[in-house]
């Protein structure tokens, strides 16, 4: 069932904006709420596809692999080994890196198949920046990144890769003045960073 879910590519018939995030509703948090608001706004004007993963907070939550409501399609990839990133009601953000390769591979394959339908990509999270550049280079569509919080725990090489990727995105949306200042201190060009409450493209 796991592999059949991963290789299944739902059909998309019209032009879409693609939202990509490690987490989404019904998980609860600032990032999930922000993405909900973004999807609510964008779906007034565009068909919107959200590619994310199964909930990590509630293992009993049973959600379909593909869920379509109006102009919004949500694709949730399986999340094996959930206890590695969420234990005793505590989320371990760096441990969620184990899911990044799976999400990256699926998004890349989906985007190649549906490249003619894609208008733009909107990725959520600092660690998504290399995927943004991959999509921008191969699919040749605009790529925007929303940054919810910044941290520097990956060492010099990881920091350099993230900084290089952020500088090549079309736009970086900071969700607070603090995050905007953190991004500038991190070395992201000022002209790339925008302050946004909704994160619209």
C-alpha atoms as a PDB file:
ATOM      1  CA  UNK A   1       0.000   0.000   0.000  1.00  0.00           C
ATOM      2  CA  UNK A   2       2.860   2.365   0.870  1.00  0.00           C
ATOM      3  CA  UNK A   3       4.604   2.062  -2.498  1.00  0.00           C
ATOM      4  CA  UNK A   4       1.369   2.130  -4.479  1.00  0.00           C
ATOM      5  CA  UNK A   5       0.498   5.414  -2.754  1.00  0.00           C
ATOM      6  CA  UNK A   6       3.878   6.945  -3.464  1.00  0.00           C
ATOM      7  CA  UNK A   7       3.884   6.205  -7.198  1.00  0.00           C
ATOM      8  CA  UNK A   8       0.232   7.163  -7.752  1.00  0.00           C
ATOM      9  CA  UNK A   9       0.060  10.523  -9.527  1.00  0.00           C
ATOM     10  CA  UNK A  10      -3.411  12.143  -9.427  1.00  0.00           C
ATOM     11  CA  UNK A  11      -4.557  13.805 -12.630  1.00  0.00           C
ATOM     12  CA  UNK A  12      -4.644  17.582 -12.874  1.00  0.00           C
ATOM     13  CA  UNK A  13      -6.620  19.148 -15.708  1.00  0.00           C
ATOM     14  CA  UNK A  14      -6.151  22.925 -15.290  1.00  0.00           C
ATOM     15  CA  UNK A  15      -3.481  25.469 -14.431  1.00  0.00           C
ATOM     16  CA  UNK A  16      -2.484  25.173 -10.794  1.00  0.00           C
ATOM     17  CA  UNK A  17      -0.336  26.700  -8.101  1.00  0.00           C
ATOM     18  CA  UNK A  18       1.504  24.028  -6.149  1.00  0.00           C
ATOM     19  CA  UNK A  19       1.964  24.380  -2.385  1.00  0.00           C
ATOM     20  CA  UNK A  20       4.623  22.097  -0.873  1.00  0.00           C
ATOM     21  CA  UNK A  21       5.083  21.573   2.864  1.00  0.00           C
ATOM     22  CA  UNK A  22       6.182  18.865   5.271  1.00  0.00           C
ATOM     23  CA  UNK A  23       3.054  19.369   7.407  1.00  0.00           C
ATOM     24  CA  UNK A  24      -0.514  20.547   6.898  1.00  0.00           C
ATOM     25  CA  UNK A  25      -3.912  20.353   8.551  1.00  0.00           C
ATOM     26  CA  UNK A  26      -5.182  18.595  10.620  1.00  0.00           C
ATOM     27  CA  UNK A  27      -1.805  19.040  12.372  1.00  0.00           C
ATOM     28  CA  UNK A  28      -1.918  22.228  14.422  1.00  0.00           C
ATOM     29  CA  UNK A  29       0.764  24.889  14.388  1.00  0.00           C
ATOM     30  CA  UNK A  30       1.773  28.242  12.989  1.00  0.00           C
ATOM     31  CA  UNK A  31       3.036  26.815   9.704  1.00  0.00           C
ATOM     32  CA  UNK A  32      -0.094  24.763   9.169  1.00  0.00           C
ATOM     33  CA  UNK A  33      -2.320  27.758   9.893  1.00  0.00           C
ATOM     34  CA  UNK A  34      -0.306  29.931   7.523  1.00  0.00           C
ATOM     35  CA  UNK A  35      -0.607  27.360   4.738  1.00  0.00           C
ATOM     36  CA  UNK A  36      -4.340  27.056   5.349  1.00  0.00           C
ATOM     37  CA  UNK A  37      -4.700  30.829   4.928  1.00  0.00           C
ATOM     38  CA  UNK A  38      -2.564  30.793   1.781  1.00  0.00           C
ATOM     39  CA  UNK A  39      -4.616  27.992   0.222  1.00  0.00           C
ATOM     40  CA  UNK A  40      -7.873  29.731   1.165  1.00  0.00           C
ATOM     41  CA  UNK A  41      -6.702  32.915  -0.542  1.00  0.00           C
ATOM     42  CA  UNK A  42      -5.186  31.366  -3.665  1.00  0.00           C
ATOM     43  CA  UNK A  43      -8.083  29.016  -4.337  1.00  0.00           C
ATOM     44  CA  UNK A  44     -10.313  32.026  -4.939  1.00  0.00           C
ATOM     45  CA  UNK A  45      -8.339  32.677  -8.117  1.00  0.00           C
ATOM     46  CA  UNK A  46      -6.471  29.460  -9.009  1.00  0.00           C
ATOM     47  CA  UNK A  47      -6.741  25.729  -8.781  1.00  0.00           C
ATOM     48  CA  UNK A  48      -4.388  24.799  -5.938  1.00  0.00           C
ATOM     49  CA  UNK A  49      -2.546  21.550  -5.232  1.00  0.00           C
ATOM     50  CA  UNK A  50      -1.041  20.928  -1.785  1.00  0.00           C
ATOM     51  CA  UNK A  51       1.620  18.217  -1.622  1.00  0.00           C
ATOM     52  CA  UNK A  52       2.384  17.297   1.964  1.00  0.00           C
ATOM     53  CA  UNK A  53       2.539  14.297   4.299  1.00  0.00           C
ATOM     54  CA  UNK A  54       0.190  12.442   6.594  1.00  0.00           C
ATOM     55  CA  UNK A  55      -0.403  14.037  10.033  1.00  0.00           C
ATOM     56  CA  UNK A  56       2.296  13.473  12.625  1.00  0.00           C
ATOM     57  CA  UNK A  57       0.377  14.607  15.717  1.00  0.00           C
ATOM     58  CA  UNK A  58      -2.451  12.078  15.560  1.00  0.00           C
ATOM     59  CA  UNK A  59      -1.585   8.606  14.288  1.00  0.00           C
ATOM     60  CA  UNK A  60      -5.287   7.618  14.439  1.00  0.00           C
ATOM     61  CA  UNK A  61      -6.260  10.290  11.930  1.00  0.00           C
ATOM     62  CA  UNK A  62      -7.397   8.465   8.787  1.00  0.00           C
ATOM     63  CA  UNK A  63      -7.146  10.668   5.728  1.00  0.00           C
ATOM     64  CA  UNK A  64      -7.216   9.698   2.045  1.00  0.00           C
ATOM     65  CA  UNK A  65      -4.076   9.901  -0.041  1.00  0.00           C
ATOM     66  CA  UNK A  66      -5.853  12.418  -2.284  1.00  0.00           C
ATOM     67  CA  UNK A  67      -8.538  14.775  -0.995  1.00  0.00           C
ATOM     68  CA  UNK A  68     -10.312  17.217  -3.290  1.00  0.00           C
ATOM     69  CA  UNK A  69     -12.512  20.068  -2.058  1.00  0.00           C
ATOM     70  CA  UNK A  70     -13.638  22.645  -4.584  1.00  0.00           C
ATOM     71  CA  UNK A  71     -10.549  24.039  -6.314  1.00  0.00           C
ATOM     72  CA  UNK A  72      -8.134  22.529  -3.781  1.00  0.00           C
ATOM     73  CA  UNK A  73      -6.495  19.110  -4.103  1.00  0.00           C
ATOM     74  CA  UNK A  74      -4.457  17.829  -1.149  1.00  0.00           C
ATOM     75  CA  UNK A  75      -2.010  14.970  -1.677  1.00  0.00           C
ATOM     76  CA  UNK A  76      -0.719  13.423   1.566  1.00  0.00           C
ATOM     77  CA  UNK A  77       2.237  11.069   1.377  1.00  0.00           C
ATOM     78  CA  UNK A  78       2.608   8.294   3.975  1.00  0.00           C
ATOM     79  CA  UNK A  79       4.707   9.130   7.048  1.00  0.00           C
ATOM     80  CA  UNK A  80       6.452   5.983   8.327  1.00  0.00           C
ATOM     81  CA  UNK A  81       8.431   6.012  11.605  1.00  0.00           C
ATOM     82  CA  UNK A  82       6.291   8.821  12.934  1.00  0.00           C
ATOM     83  CA  UNK A  83       7.561   8.356  16.507  1.00  0.00           C
ATOM     84  CA  UNK A  84      11.008   9.582  15.436  1.00  0.00           C
ATOM     85  CA  UNK A  85       9.766  13.128  14.963  1.00  0.00           C
ATOM     86  CA  UNK A  86       6.869  13.343  17.413  1.00  0.00           C
ATOM     87  CA  UNK A  87       7.089  11.845  20.873  1.00  0.00           C
ATOM     88  CA  UNK A  88       5.523  12.897  24.183  1.00  0.00           C
ATOM     89  CA  UNK A  89       3.734  15.748  22.390  1.00  0.00           C
ATOM     90  CA  UNK A  90       7.076  17.192  21.310  1.00  0.00           C
ATOM     91  CA  UNK A  91       8.023  17.803  17.665  1.00  0.00           C
ATOM     92  CA  UNK A  92      11.643  17.324  16.610  1.00  0.00           C
ATOM     93  CA  UNK A  93      12.018  19.462  13.468  1.00  0.00           C
ATOM     94  CA  UNK A  94      15.467  18.239  12.427  1.00  0.00           C
ATOM     95  CA  UNK A  95      14.341  14.607  12.671  1.00  0.00           C
ATOM     96  CA  UNK A  96      11.729  15.372  10.022  1.00  0.00           C
ATOM     97  CA  UNK A  97      14.622  15.482   7.530  1.00  0.00           C
ATOM     98  CA  UNK A  98      14.167  11.725   7.120  1.00  0.00           C
ATOM     99  CA  UNK A  99      11.035  12.496   5.083  1.00  0.00           C
ATOM    100  CA  UNK A 100      12.595  15.141   2.856  1.00  0.00           C
ATOM    101  CA  UNK A 101      13.968  12.676   0.238  1.00  0.00           C
ATOM    102  CA  UNK A 102      10.555  10.996  -0.152  1.00  0.00           C
ATOM    103  CA  UNK A 103       8.748  14.314  -0.506  1.00  0.00           C
ATOM    104  CA  UNK A 104      11.406  15.620  -2.909  1.00  0.00           C
ATOM    105  CA  UNK A 105      11.226  12.571  -5.191  1.00  0.00           C
ATOM    106  CA  UNK A 106       7.435  12.603  -5.318  1.00  0.00           C
ATOM    107  CA  UNK A 107       7.193  16.351  -5.960  1.00  0.00           C
ATOM    108  CA  UNK A 108       9.846  16.144  -8.681  1.00  0.00           C
ATOM    109  CA  UNK A 109       8.091  13.278 -10.528  1.00  0.00           C
ATOM    110  CA  UNK A 110       4.668  14.908 -10.120  1.00  0.00           C
ATOM    111  CA  UNK A 111       6.007  18.219 -11.419  1.00  0.00           C
ATOM    112  CA  UNK A 112       7.597  16.679 -14.509  1.00  0.00           C
ATOM    113  CA  UNK A 113       4.355  14.891 -15.389  1.00  0.00           C
ATOM    114  CA  UNK A 114       2.246  18.016 -14.798  1.00  0.00           C
ATOM    115  CA  UNK A 115       4.706  20.715 -15.824  1.00  0.00           C
ATOM    116  CA  UNK A 116       2.295  22.137 -18.418  1.00  0.00           C
ATOM    117  CA  UNK A 117      -0.371  22.664 -15.751  1.00  0.00           C
ATOM    118  CA  UNK A 118       1.898  24.336 -13.172  1.00  0.00           C
ATOM    119  CA  UNK A 119       1.868  28.117 -12.890  1.00  0.00           C
ATOM    120  CA  UNK A 120       4.167  28.460  -9.864  1.00  0.00           C
ATOM    121  CA  UNK A 121       5.536  26.671  -6.822  1.00  0.00           C
ATOM    122  CA  UNK A 122       5.239  27.885  -3.238  1.00  0.00           C
ATOM    123  CA  UNK A 123       7.382  25.970  -0.751  1.00  0.00           C
ATOM    124  CA  UNK A 124       7.190  26.248   3.029  1.00  0.00           C
ATOM    125  CA  UNK A 125      10.242  26.065   5.252  1.00  0.00           C
ATOM    126  CA  UNK A 126      13.932  26.880   5.146  1.00  0.00           C
ATOM    127  CA  UNK A 127      14.919  23.290   4.362  1.00  0.00           C
ATOM    128  CA  UNK A 128      12.786  23.307   1.217  1.00  0.00           C
ATOM    129  CA  UNK A 129      15.047  25.841  -0.508  1.00  0.00           C
ATOM    130  CA  UNK A 130      17.193  23.307  -2.461  1.00  0.00           C
ATOM    131  CA  UNK A 131      13.991  21.680  -3.810  1.00  0.00           C
ATOM    132  CA  UNK A 132      12.814  25.126  -4.896  1.00  0.00           C
ATOM    133  CA  UNK A 133      15.913  25.597  -7.029  1.00  0.00           C
ATOM    134  CA  UNK A 134      15.622  22.104  -8.493  1.00  0.00           C
ATOM    135  CA  UNK A 135      12.020  22.769  -9.548  1.00  0.00           C
ATOM    136  CA  UNK A 136      12.843  26.206 -10.882  1.00  0.00           C
ATOM    137  CA  UNK A 137      15.735  24.859 -12.966  1.00  0.00           C
ATOM    138  CA  UNK A 138      13.997  21.797 -14.386  1.00  0.00           C
ATOM    139  CA  UNK A 139      10.325  22.782 -14.567  1.00  0.00           C
ATOM    140  CA  UNK A 140      11.129  26.460 -15.254  1.00  0.00           C
ATOM    141  CA  UNK A 141       8.371  28.009 -13.191  1.00  0.00           C
ATOM    142  CA  UNK A 142       8.464  30.734 -10.537  1.00  0.00           C
ATOM    143  CA  UNK A 143       9.331  29.467  -7.082  1.00  0.00           C
ATOM    144  CA  UNK A 144       8.514  31.276  -3.842  1.00  0.00           C
ATOM    145  CA  UNK A 145       9.539  30.191  -0.336  1.00  0.00           C
ATOM    146  CA  UNK A 146       7.755  31.079   2.899  1.00  0.00           C
ATOM    147  CA  UNK A 147      10.087  31.013   5.902  1.00  0.00           C
ATOM    148  CA  UNK A 148       8.391  30.414   9.228  1.00  0.00           C
ATOM    149  CA  UNK A 149      11.507  30.372  11.380  1.00  0.00           C
ATOM    150  CA  UNK A 150      15.250  30.347  10.807  1.00  0.00           C
ATOM    151  CA  UNK A 151      17.876  28.249  12.507  1.00  0.00           C
ATOM    152  CA  UNK A 152      21.544  27.468  11.889  1.00  0.00           C
ATOM    153  CA  UNK A 153      22.279  23.986  13.154  1.00  0.00           C
ATOM    154  CA  UNK A 154      23.383  22.202  10.017  1.00  0.00           C
ATOM    155  CA  UNK A 155      27.008  23.293   9.938  1.00  0.00           C
ATOM    156  CA  UNK A 156      28.812  25.477   7.430  1.00  0.00           C
ATOM    157  CA  UNK A 157      28.131  23.306   4.389  1.00  0.00           C
ATOM    158  CA  UNK A 158      24.386  23.001   5.055  1.00  0.00           C
ATOM    159  CA  UNK A 159      24.132  26.722   5.799  1.00  0.00           C
ATOM    160  CA  UNK A 160      25.956  27.525   2.553  1.00  0.00           C
ATOM    161  CA  UNK A 161      23.620  25.301   0.515  1.00  0.00           C
ATOM    162  CA  UNK A 162      20.508  26.855   2.071  1.00  0.00           C
ATOM    163  CA  UNK A 163      21.862  30.392   1.648  1.00  0.00           C
ATOM    164  CA  UNK A 164      22.785  29.729  -1.985  1.00  0.00           C
ATOM    165  CA  UNK A 165      19.331  28.264  -2.668  1.00  0.00           C
ATOM    166  CA  UNK A 166      17.438  31.092  -0.981  1.00  0.00           C
ATOM    167  CA  UNK A 167      19.358  33.665  -3.018  1.00  0.00           C
ATOM    168  CA  UNK A 168      18.164  32.007  -6.228  1.00  0.00           C
ATOM    169  CA  UNK A 169      14.478  31.710  -5.365  1.00  0.00           C
ATOM    170  CA  UNK A 170      12.186  34.251  -7.011  1.00  0.00           C
ATOM    171  CA  UNK A 171      11.001  35.570  -3.660  1.00  0.00           C
ATOM    172  CA  UNK A 172      11.364  34.787   0.037  1.00  0.00           C
ATOM    173  CA  UNK A 173       8.324  35.551   2.187  1.00  0.00           C
ATOM    174  CA  UNK A 174       9.118  36.289   5.823  1.00  0.00           C
ATOM    175  CA  UNK A 175       6.148  35.865   8.141  1.00  0.00           C
ATOM    176  CA  UNK A 176       7.393  38.382  10.698  1.00  0.00           C
ATOM    177  CA  UNK A 177       9.768  41.319  10.943  1.00  0.00           C
ATOM    178  CA  UNK A 178      12.026  39.145  13.116  1.00  0.00           C
ATOM    179  CA  UNK A 179      12.274  36.477  10.423  1.00  0.00           C
ATOM    180  CA  UNK A 180      12.944  39.135   7.805  1.00  0.00           C
ATOM    181  CA  UNK A 181      15.862  40.451   9.854  1.00  0.00           C
ATOM    182  CA  UNK A 182      17.114  36.889  10.484  1.00  0.00           C
ATOM    183  CA  UNK A 183      17.096  36.164   6.758  1.00  0.00           C
ATOM    184  CA  UNK A 184      19.041  39.350   6.019  1.00  0.00           C
ATOM    185  CA  UNK A 185      21.573  38.467   8.717  1.00  0.00           C
ATOM    186  CA  UNK A 186      21.793  34.969   7.234  1.00  0.00           C
ATOM    187  CA  UNK A 187      22.981  36.560   4.006  1.00  0.00           C
ATOM    188  CA  UNK A 188      19.875  36.499   1.803  1.00  0.00           C
ATOM    189  CA  UNK A 189      19.814  39.479  -0.613  1.00  0.00           C
ATOM    190  CA  UNK A 190      17.517  42.222   0.669  1.00  0.00           C
ATOM    191  CA  UNK A 191      15.686  42.530  -2.657  1.00  0.00           C
ATOM    192  CA  UNK A 192      14.584  38.882  -2.393  1.00  0.00           C
ATOM    193  CA  UNK A 193      12.973  39.170   1.044  1.00  0.00           C
ATOM    194  CA  UNK A 194       9.406  40.384   1.394  1.00  0.00           C
ATOM    195  CA  UNK A 195       7.290  40.751   4.519  1.00  0.00           C
ATOM    196  CA  UNK A 196       3.961  38.985   4.110  1.00  0.00           C
ATOM    197  CA  UNK A 197       1.173  37.941   6.416  1.00  0.00           C
ATOM    198  CA  UNK A 198      -0.658  35.773   3.901  1.00  0.00           C
ATOM    199  CA  UNK A 199       2.168  34.577   1.677  1.00  0.00           C
ATOM    200  CA  UNK A 200       0.342  35.038  -1.606  1.00  0.00           C
ATOM    201  CA  UNK A 201       2.284  34.723  -4.843  1.00  0.00           C
END
